[in-house]
């Protein structure tokens, strides 16, 4: 089990990117959250097994059809054992 903080930069707001992340994470049994940031990026914390996270990262680099991902920054974070679902978060 691993938890990652992600910062996705590019054309990722106004293109359904958060809904895409929610769908892809849920499909893989990954928990955490995703949200838009004021600077136009999207951030997320994702938690799951190595294989599921690797598959998710590949999908996120591609994104939905209208998106363009220029950069994906990844930092490891402490696991939150009690977390049970994935959600879209708001500031």
PDB file of N, CA and C in Angstrom:
ATOM      1  N   UNK A   1       0.848  -1.181   0.000  1.00  0.00           N
ATOM      2  CA  UNK A   1       0.000   0.000   0.000  1.00  0.00           C
ATOM      3  C   UNK A   1       0.886   1.233   0.000  1.00  0.00           C
ATOM      4  N   UNK A   2       0.510   2.195  -0.835  1.00  0.00           N
ATOM      5  CA  UNK A   2       1.289   3.414  -0.974  1.00  0.00           C
ATOM      6  C   UNK A   2       0.324   4.579  -1.191  1.00  0.00           C
ATOM      7  N   UNK A   3       0.742   5.783  -0.789  1.00  0.00           N
ATOM      8  CA  UNK A   3      -0.039   7.004  -1.019  1.00  0.00           C
ATOM      9  C   UNK A   3       0.851   8.009  -1.728  1.00  0.00           C
ATOM     10  N   UNK A   4       0.306   8.626  -2.776  1.00  0.00           N
ATOM     11  CA  UNK A   4       1.059   9.597  -3.555  1.00  0.00           C
ATOM     12  C   UNK A   4       0.302  10.909  -3.649  1.00  0.00           C
ATOM     13  N   UNK A   5       1.030  12.012  -3.578  1.00  0.00           N
ATOM     14  CA  UNK A   5       0.491  13.332  -3.891  1.00  0.00           C
ATOM     15  C   UNK A   5       0.866  13.622  -5.334  1.00  0.00           C
ATOM     16  N   UNK A   6      -0.109  14.086  -6.125  1.00  0.00           N
ATOM     17  CA  UNK A   6       0.121  14.375  -7.537  1.00  0.00           C
ATOM     18  C   UNK A   6      -0.222  15.824  -7.838  1.00  0.00           C
ATOM     19  N   UNK A   7       0.576  16.445  -8.663  1.00  0.00           N
ATOM     20  CA  UNK A   7       0.267  17.779  -9.198  1.00  0.00           C
ATOM     21  C   UNK A   7       0.335  17.659 -10.702  1.00  0.00           C
ATOM     22  N   UNK A   8      -0.813  17.874 -11.358  1.00  0.00           N
ATOM     23  CA  UNK A   8      -0.910  17.705 -12.801  1.00  0.00           C
ATOM     24  C   UNK A   8      -1.036  19.087 -13.424  1.00  0.00           C
ATOM     25  N   UNK A   9      -0.143  19.376 -14.369  1.00  0.00           N
ATOM     26  CA  UNK A   9      -0.064  20.688 -15.004  1.00  0.00           C
ATOM     27  C   UNK A   9      -0.350  20.535 -16.495  1.00  0.00           C
ATOM     28  N   UNK A  10      -1.064  21.495 -17.052  1.00  0.00           N
ATOM     29  CA  UNK A  10      -1.389  21.500 -18.478  1.00  0.00           C
ATOM     30  C   UNK A  10      -2.803  22.024 -18.660  1.00  0.00           C
ATOM     31  N   UNK A  11      -3.474  21.576 -19.712  1.00  0.00           N
ATOM     32  CA  UNK A  11      -4.885  21.935 -19.908  1.00  0.00           C
ATOM     33  C   UNK A  11      -5.705  20.863 -19.197  1.00  0.00           C
ATOM     34  N   UNK A  12      -5.905  21.070 -17.887  1.00  0.00           N
ATOM     35  CA  UNK A  12      -6.544  20.050 -17.044  1.00  0.00           C
ATOM     36  C   UNK A  12      -7.751  20.587 -16.274  1.00  0.00           C
ATOM     37  N   UNK A  13      -8.117  21.841 -16.510  1.00  0.00           N
ATOM     38  CA  UNK A  13      -9.337  22.386 -15.915  1.00  0.00           C
ATOM     39  C   UNK A  13     -10.299  22.751 -17.037  1.00  0.00           C
ATOM     40  N   UNK A  14     -11.579  22.487 -16.802  1.00  0.00           N
ATOM     41  CA  UNK A  14     -12.592  22.783 -17.805  1.00  0.00           C
ATOM     42  C   UNK A  14     -12.683  21.742 -18.909  1.00  0.00           C
ATOM     43  N   UNK A  15     -12.056  20.590 -18.691  1.00  0.00           N
ATOM     44  CA  UNK A  15     -12.039  19.529 -19.714  1.00  0.00           C
ATOM     45  C   UNK A  15     -12.498  18.185 -19.151  1.00  0.00           C
ATOM     46  N   UNK A  16     -13.067  18.180 -17.943  1.00  0.00           N
ATOM     47  CA  UNK A  16     -13.538  16.937 -17.335  1.00  0.00           C
ATOM     48  C   UNK A  16     -12.445  16.101 -16.698  1.00  0.00           C
ATOM     49  N   UNK A  17     -11.327  16.738 -16.375  1.00  0.00           N
ATOM     50  CA  UNK A  17     -10.188  15.974 -15.843  1.00  0.00           C
ATOM     51  C   UNK A  17     -10.480  15.383 -14.456  1.00  0.00           C
ATOM     52  N   UNK A  18     -11.101  16.155 -13.568  1.00  0.00           N
ATOM     53  CA  UNK A  18     -11.387  15.620 -12.220  1.00  0.00           C
ATOM     54  C   UNK A  18     -12.334  14.430 -12.291  1.00  0.00           C
ATOM     55  N   UNK A  19     -13.367  14.532 -13.116  1.00  0.00           N
ATOM     56  CA  UNK A  19     -14.304  13.409 -13.277  1.00  0.00           C
ATOM     57  C   UNK A  19     -13.585  12.194 -13.858  1.00  0.00           C
ATOM     58  N   UNK A  20     -12.656  12.434 -14.764  1.00  0.00           N
ATOM     59  CA  UNK A  20     -11.848  11.362 -15.344  1.00  0.00           C
ATOM     60  C   UNK A  20     -11.014  10.676 -14.258  1.00  0.00           C
ATOM     61  N   UNK A  21     -10.369  11.479 -13.403  1.00  0.00           N
ATOM     62  CA  UNK A  21      -9.554  10.923 -12.307  1.00  0.00           C
ATOM     63  C   UNK A  21     -10.439  10.108 -11.364  1.00  0.00           C
ATOM     64  N   UNK A  22     -11.601  10.659 -11.004  1.00  0.00           N
ATOM     65  CA  UNK A  22     -12.539   9.951 -10.124  1.00  0.00           C
ATOM     66  C   UNK A  22     -12.920   8.595 -10.720  1.00  0.00           C
ATOM     67  N   UNK A  23     -13.281   8.584 -11.979  1.00  0.00           N
ATOM     68  CA  UNK A  23     -13.694   7.346 -12.650  1.00  0.00           C
ATOM     69  C   UNK A  23     -12.548   6.330 -12.702  1.00  0.00           C
ATOM     70  N   UNK A  24     -11.363   6.782 -13.099  1.00  0.00           N
ATOM     71  CA  UNK A  24     -10.213   5.879 -13.240  1.00  0.00           C
ATOM     72  C   UNK A  24      -9.750   5.341 -11.885  1.00  0.00           C
ATOM     73  N   UNK A  25      -9.751   6.191 -10.859  1.00  0.00           N
ATOM     74  CA  UNK A  25      -9.331   5.752  -9.519  1.00  0.00           C
ATOM     75  C   UNK A  25     -10.333   4.751  -8.948  1.00  0.00           C
ATOM     76  N   UNK A  26     -11.616   5.072  -9.059  1.00  0.00           N
ATOM     77  CA  UNK A  26     -12.660   4.202  -8.524  1.00  0.00           C
ATOM     78  C   UNK A  26     -12.619   2.833  -9.204  1.00  0.00           C
ATOM     79  N   UNK A  27     -12.416   2.846 -10.500  1.00  0.00           N
ATOM     80  CA  UNK A  27     -12.341   1.600 -11.288  1.00  0.00           C
ATOM     81  C   UNK A  27     -11.219   0.679 -10.802  1.00  0.00           C
ATOM     82  N   UNK A  28     -10.168   1.279 -10.275  1.00  0.00           N
ATOM     83  CA  UNK A  28      -9.000   0.515  -9.829  1.00  0.00           C
ATOM     84  C   UNK A  28      -8.977   0.270  -8.321  1.00  0.00           C
ATOM     85  N   UNK A  29     -10.017   0.694  -7.601  1.00  0.00           N
ATOM     86  CA  UNK A  29     -10.065   0.490  -6.153  1.00  0.00           C
ATOM     87  C   UNK A  29      -9.133   1.405  -5.388  1.00  0.00           C
ATOM     88  N   UNK A  30      -8.796   2.548  -5.970  1.00  0.00           N
ATOM     89  CA  UNK A  30      -7.891   3.512  -5.345  1.00  0.00           C
ATOM     90  C   UNK A  30      -8.709   4.505  -4.523  1.00  0.00           C
ATOM     91  N   UNK A  31      -8.202   4.872  -3.353  1.00  0.00           N
ATOM     92  CA  UNK A  31      -8.855   5.862  -2.509  1.00  0.00           C
ATOM     93  C   UNK A  31      -8.110   7.186  -2.594  1.00  0.00           C
ATOM     94  N   UNK A  32      -8.763   8.265  -2.088  1.00  0.00           N
ATOM     95  CA  UNK A  32      -8.112   9.570  -2.061  1.00  0.00           C
ATOM     96  C   UNK A  32      -9.030  10.675  -2.514  1.00  0.00           C
ATOM     97  N   UNK A  33      -8.443  11.693  -3.143  1.00  0.00           N
ATOM     98  CA  UNK A  33      -9.205  12.860  -3.582  1.00  0.00           C
ATOM     99  C   UNK A  33      -8.512  13.535  -4.756  1.00  0.00           C
ATOM    100  N   UNK A  34      -9.262  14.404  -5.453  1.00  0.00           N
ATOM    101  CA  UNK A  34      -8.728  15.219  -6.550  1.00  0.00           C
ATOM    102  C   UNK A  34      -9.394  16.584  -6.489  1.00  0.00           C
ATOM    103  N   UNK A  35      -8.662  17.665  -6.822  1.00  0.00           N
ATOM    104  CA  UNK A  35      -9.270  19.002  -6.816  1.00  0.00           C
ATOM    105  C   UNK A  35      -8.542  19.936  -7.787  1.00  0.00           C
ATOM    106  N   UNK A  36      -9.270  20.960  -8.235  1.00  0.00           N
ATOM    107  CA  UNK A  36      -8.694  22.034  -9.037  1.00  0.00           C
ATOM    108  C   UNK A  36      -7.948  22.988  -8.121  1.00  0.00           C
ATOM    109  N   UNK A  37      -6.876  23.563  -8.632  1.00  0.00           N
ATOM    110  CA  UNK A  37      -6.111  24.560  -7.887  1.00  0.00           C
ATOM    111  C   UNK A  37      -6.242  25.922  -8.572  1.00  0.00           C
ATOM    112  N   UNK A  38      -6.092  27.015  -7.827  1.00  0.00           N
ATOM    113  CA  UNK A  38      -6.232  28.361  -8.399  1.00  0.00           C
ATOM    114  C   UNK A  38      -5.247  28.656  -9.546  1.00  0.00           C
ATOM    115  N   UNK A  39      -4.104  27.990  -9.567  1.00  0.00           N
ATOM    116  CA  UNK A  39      -3.104  28.248 -10.614  1.00  0.00           C
ATOM    117  C   UNK A  39      -3.402  27.498 -11.920  1.00  0.00           C
ATOM    118  N   UNK A  40      -4.528  26.778 -11.986  1.00  0.00           N
ATOM    119  CA  UNK A  40      -4.894  26.056 -13.202  1.00  0.00           C
ATOM    120  C   UNK A  40      -4.469  24.600 -13.211  1.00  0.00           C
ATOM    121  N   UNK A  41      -3.725  24.179 -12.204  1.00  0.00           N
ATOM    122  CA  UNK A  41      -3.319  22.773 -12.107  1.00  0.00           C
ATOM    123  C   UNK A  41      -4.404  21.975 -11.391  1.00  0.00           C
ATOM    124  N   UNK A  42      -4.224  20.677 -11.352  1.00  0.00           N
ATOM    125  CA  UNK A  42      -5.072  19.772 -10.589  1.00  0.00           C
ATOM    126  C   UNK A  42      -4.165  19.024  -9.628  1.00  0.00           C
ATOM    127  N   UNK A  43      -4.576  18.893  -8.368  1.00  0.00           N
ATOM    128  CA  UNK A  43      -3.820  18.090  -7.410  1.00  0.00           C
ATOM    129  C   UNK A  43      -4.677  16.921  -6.953  1.00  0.00           C
ATOM    130  N   UNK A  44      -3.996  15.887  -6.486  1.00  0.00           N
ATOM    131  CA  UNK A  44      -4.695  14.699  -6.003  1.00  0.00           C
ATOM    132  C   UNK A  44      -3.814  13.971  -5.011  1.00  0.00           C
ATOM    133  N   UNK A  45      -4.446  13.231  -4.117  1.00  0.00           N
ATOM    134  CA  UNK A  45      -3.757  12.235  -3.307  1.00  0.00           C
ATOM    135  C   UNK A  45      -4.428  10.916  -3.624  1.00  0.00           C
ATOM    136  N   UNK A  46      -3.616   9.944  -3.985  1.00  0.00           N
ATOM    137  CA  UNK A  46      -4.130   8.630  -4.399  1.00  0.00           C
ATOM    138  C   UNK A  46      -3.456   7.553  -3.569  1.00  0.00           C
ATOM    139  N   UNK A  47      -4.230   6.547  -3.176  1.00  0.00           N
ATOM    140  CA  UNK A  47      -3.717   5.500  -2.305  1.00  0.00           C
ATOM    141  C   UNK A  47      -4.192   4.139  -2.801  1.00  0.00           C
ATOM    142  N   UNK A  48      -3.234   3.220  -2.923  1.00  0.00           N
ATOM    143  CA  UNK A  48      -3.573   1.873  -3.361  1.00  0.00           C
ATOM    144  C   UNK A  48      -2.328   1.016  -3.487  1.00  0.00           C
ATOM    145  N   UNK A  49      -2.502  -0.159  -4.097  1.00  0.00           N
ATOM    146  CA  UNK A  49      -1.344  -1.031  -4.290  1.00  0.00           C
ATOM    147  C   UNK A  49      -0.510  -0.530  -5.471  1.00  0.00           C
ATOM    148  N   UNK A  50       0.725  -0.998  -5.546  1.00  0.00           N
ATOM    149  CA  UNK A  50       1.670  -0.514  -6.561  1.00  0.00           C
ATOM    150  C   UNK A  50       1.131  -0.666  -7.983  1.00  0.00           C
ATOM    151  N   UNK A  51       0.563  -1.818  -8.302  1.00  0.00           N
ATOM    152  CA  UNK A  51       0.076  -2.078  -9.665  1.00  0.00           C
ATOM    153  C   UNK A  51      -1.060  -1.127 -10.035  1.00  0.00           C
ATOM    154  N   UNK A  52      -2.020  -0.962  -9.129  1.00  0.00           N
ATOM    155  CA  UNK A  52      -3.153  -0.072  -9.391  1.00  0.00           C
ATOM    156  C   UNK A  52      -2.690   1.374  -9.559  1.00  0.00           C
ATOM    157  N   UNK A  53      -1.752   1.801  -8.729  1.00  0.00           N
ATOM    158  CA  UNK A  53      -1.232   3.168  -8.832  1.00  0.00           C
ATOM    159  C   UNK A  53      -0.472   3.367 -10.135  1.00  0.00           C
ATOM    160  N   UNK A  54       0.326   2.388 -10.528  1.00  0.00           N
ATOM    161  CA  UNK A  54       1.067   2.490 -11.796  1.00  0.00           C
ATOM    162  C   UNK A  54       0.111   2.610 -12.973  1.00  0.00           C
ATOM    163  N   UNK A  55      -0.939   1.785 -12.977  1.00  0.00           N
ATOM    164  CA  UNK A  55      -1.936   1.846 -14.042  1.00  0.00           C
ATOM    165  C   UNK A  55      -2.646   3.200 -14.047  1.00  0.00           C
ATOM    166  N   UNK A  56      -2.981   3.708 -12.859  1.00  0.00           N
ATOM    167  CA  UNK A  56      -3.640   5.003 -12.772  1.00  0.00           C
ATOM    168  C   UNK A  56      -2.734   6.113 -13.310  1.00  0.00           C
ATOM    169  N   UNK A  57      -1.473   6.108 -12.931  1.00  0.00           N
ATOM    170  CA  UNK A  57      -0.555   7.151 -13.397  1.00  0.00           C
ATOM    171  C   UNK A  57      -0.446   7.163 -14.917  1.00  0.00           C
ATOM    172  N   UNK A  58      -0.419   5.996 -15.535  1.00  0.00           N
ATOM    173  CA  UNK A  58      -0.395   5.928 -17.004  1.00  0.00           C
ATOM    174  C   UNK A  58      -1.643   6.576 -17.587  1.00  0.00           C
ATOM    175  N   UNK A  59      -2.795   6.279 -17.007  1.00  0.00           N
ATOM    176  CA  UNK A  59      -4.057   6.862 -17.485  1.00  0.00           C
ATOM    177  C   UNK A  59      -4.069   8.378 -17.288  1.00  0.00           C
ATOM    178  N   UNK A  60      -3.570   8.852 -16.152  1.00  0.00           N
ATOM    179  CA  UNK A  60      -3.598  10.280 -15.860  1.00  0.00           C
ATOM    180  C   UNK A  60      -2.677  11.069 -16.770  1.00  0.00           C
ATOM    181  N   UNK A  61      -1.578  10.478 -17.194  1.00  0.00           N
ATOM    182  CA  UNK A  61      -0.680  11.152 -18.133  1.00  0.00           C
ATOM    183  C   UNK A  61      -1.358  11.352 -19.482  1.00  0.00           C
ATOM    184  N   UNK A  62      -2.234  10.440 -19.834  1.00  0.00           N
ATOM    185  CA  UNK A  62      -3.000  10.528 -21.080  1.00  0.00           C
ATOM    186  C   UNK A  62      -4.181  11.484 -20.918  1.00  0.00           C
ATOM    187  N   UNK A  63      -4.960  11.311 -19.852  1.00  0.00           N
ATOM    188  CA  UNK A  63      -6.102  12.168 -19.573  1.00  0.00           C
ATOM    189  C   UNK A  63      -7.263  11.941 -20.517  1.00  0.00           C
ATOM    190  N   UNK A  64      -8.359  12.679 -20.296  1.00  0.00           N
ATOM    191  CA  UNK A  64      -9.507  12.598 -21.200  1.00  0.00           C
ATOM    192  C   UNK A  64      -9.163  13.283 -22.529  1.00  0.00           C
ATOM    193  N   UNK A  65      -9.976  13.083 -23.577  1.00  0.00           N
ATOM    194  CA  UNK A  65      -9.636  13.584 -24.915  1.00  0.00           C
ATOM    195  C   UNK A  65      -9.309  15.076 -25.010  1.00  0.00           C
ATOM    196  N   UNK A  66     -10.022  15.946 -24.290  1.00  0.00           N
ATOM    197  CA  UNK A  66      -9.806  17.397 -24.412  1.00  0.00           C
ATOM    198  C   UNK A  66      -8.637  17.906 -23.570  1.00  0.00           C
ATOM    199  N   UNK A  67      -8.068  17.062 -22.726  1.00  0.00           N
ATOM    200  CA  UNK A  67      -6.992  17.493 -21.818  1.00  0.00           C
ATOM    201  C   UNK A  67      -5.626  17.394 -22.493  1.00  0.00           C
ATOM    202  N   UNK A  68      -4.673  18.124 -21.914  1.00  0.00           N
ATOM    203  CA  UNK A  68      -3.264  18.017 -22.304  1.00  0.00           C
ATOM    204  C   UNK A  68      -2.439  18.071 -21.021  1.00  0.00           C
ATOM    205  N   UNK A  69      -1.714  17.017 -20.729  1.00  0.00           N
ATOM    206  CA  UNK A  69      -0.886  16.966 -19.523  1.00  0.00           C
ATOM    207  C   UNK A  69       0.551  17.303 -19.910  1.00  0.00           C
ATOM    208  N   UNK A  70       1.046  18.415 -19.361  1.00  0.00           N
ATOM    209  CA  UNK A  70       2.418  18.854 -19.633  1.00  0.00           C
ATOM    210  C   UNK A  70       3.396  18.335 -18.591  1.00  0.00           C
ATOM    211  N   UNK A  71       2.931  18.156 -17.362  1.00  0.00           N
ATOM    212  CA  UNK A  71       3.821  17.713 -16.284  1.00  0.00           C
ATOM    213  C   UNK A  71       2.995  17.006 -15.213  1.00  0.00           C
ATOM    214  N   UNK A  72       3.581  15.981 -14.625  1.00  0.00           N
ATOM    215  CA  UNK A  72       2.960  15.240 -13.522  1.00  0.00           C
ATOM    216  C   UNK A  72       4.023  15.068 -12.449  1.00  0.00           C
ATOM    217  N   UNK A  73       3.859  15.807 -11.352  1.00  0.00           N
ATOM    218  CA  UNK A  73       4.802  15.767 -10.231  1.00  0.00           C
ATOM    219  C   UNK A  73       4.255  14.790  -9.194  1.00  0.00           C
ATOM    220  N   UNK A  74       5.121  13.912  -8.693  1.00  0.00           N
ATOM    221  CA  UNK A  74       4.704  12.864  -7.761  1.00  0.00           C
ATOM    222  C   UNK A  74       5.549  12.933  -6.497  1.00  0.00           C
ATOM    223  N   UNK A  75       4.875  12.932  -5.333  1.00  0.00           N
ATOM    224  CA  UNK A  75       5.560  12.872  -4.034  1.00  0.00           C
ATOM    225  C   UNK A  75       4.895  11.785  -3.204  1.00  0.00           C
ATOM    226  N   UNK A  76       5.686  11.014  -2.491  1.00  0.00           N
ATOM    227  CA  UNK A  76       5.114   9.990  -1.615  1.00  0.00           C
ATOM    228  C   UNK A  76       4.628  10.637  -0.316  1.00  0.00           C
ATOM    229  N   UNK A  77       3.505  10.160   0.200  1.00  0.00           N
ATOM    230  CA  UNK A  77       2.900  10.654   1.436  1.00  0.00           C
ATOM    231  C   UNK A  77       2.585   9.472   2.352  1.00  0.00           C
ATOM    232  N   UNK A  78       2.341   9.728   3.649  1.00  0.00           N
ATOM    233  CA  UNK A  78       1.971   8.640   4.561  1.00  0.00           C
ATOM    234  C   UNK A  78       0.599   8.060   4.209  1.00  0.00           C
ATOM    235  N   UNK A  79       0.478   6.763   4.318  1.00  0.00           N
ATOM    236  CA  UNK A  79      -0.782   6.058   4.060  1.00  0.00           C
ATOM    237  C   UNK A  79      -1.812   6.454   5.120  1.00  0.00           C
ATOM    238  N   UNK A  80      -3.079   6.570   4.708  1.00  0.00           N
ATOM    239  CA  UNK A  80      -4.191   6.828   5.624  1.00  0.00           C
ATOM    240  C   UNK A  80      -5.026   5.551   5.658  1.00  0.00           C
ATOM    241  N   UNK A  81      -4.784   4.671   6.641  1.00  0.00           N
ATOM    242  CA  UNK A  81      -5.425   3.355   6.662  1.00  0.00           C
ATOM    243  C   UNK A  81      -6.951   3.388   6.676  1.00  0.00           C
ATOM    244  N   UNK A  82      -7.544   4.390   7.306  1.00  0.00           N
ATOM    245  CA  UNK A  82      -9.003   4.424   7.446  1.00  0.00           C
ATOM    246  C   UNK A  82      -9.730   4.963   6.212  1.00  0.00           C
ATOM    247  N   UNK A  83      -9.006   5.444   5.221  1.00  0.00           N
ATOM    248  CA  UNK A  83      -9.644   5.991   4.021  1.00  0.00           C
ATOM    249  C   UNK A  83     -10.288   4.873   3.200  1.00  0.00           C
ATOM    250  N   UNK A  84     -11.541   5.085   2.772  1.00  0.00           N
ATOM    251  CA  UNK A  84     -12.307   4.010   2.114  1.00  0.00           C
ATOM    252  C   UNK A  84     -12.809   4.358   0.722  1.00  0.00           C
ATOM    253  N   UNK A  85     -12.709   5.615   0.276  1.00  0.00           N
ATOM    254  CA  UNK A  85     -13.298   5.979  -1.007  1.00  0.00           C
ATOM    255  C   UNK A  85     -12.465   7.047  -1.710  1.00  0.00           C
ATOM    256  N   UNK A  86     -12.884   7.391  -2.929  1.00  0.00           N
ATOM    257  CA  UNK A  86     -12.242   8.451  -3.698  1.00  0.00           C
ATOM    258  C   UNK A  86     -13.287   9.528  -3.952  1.00  0.00           C
ATOM    259  N   UNK A  87     -12.873  10.802  -3.865  1.00  0.00           N
ATOM    260  CA  UNK A  87     -13.844  11.891  -4.018  1.00  0.00           C
ATOM    261  C   UNK A  87     -13.223  13.080  -4.713  1.00  0.00           C
ATOM    262  N   UNK A  88     -14.086  13.923  -5.254  1.00  0.00           N
ATOM    263  CA  UNK A  88     -13.660  15.222  -5.755  1.00  0.00           C
ATOM    264  C   UNK A  88     -13.725  16.174  -4.570  1.00  0.00           C
ATOM    265  N   UNK A  89     -12.620  16.845  -4.296  1.00  0.00           N
ATOM    266  CA  UNK A  89     -12.535  17.781  -3.164  1.00  0.00           C
ATOM    267  C   UNK A  89     -12.644  19.210  -3.678  1.00  0.00           C
ATOM    268  N   UNK A  90     -13.078  20.091  -2.810  1.00  0.00           N
ATOM    269  CA  UNK A  90     -13.216  21.504  -3.149  1.00  0.00           C
ATOM    270  C   UNK A  90     -12.486  22.330  -2.108  1.00  0.00           C
ATOM    271  N   UNK A  91     -11.941  23.446  -2.530  1.00  0.00           N
ATOM    272  CA  UNK A  91     -11.219  24.330  -1.605  1.00  0.00           C
ATOM    273  C   UNK A  91     -12.172  25.049  -0.699  1.00  0.00           C
TER     274      UNK A  91
END
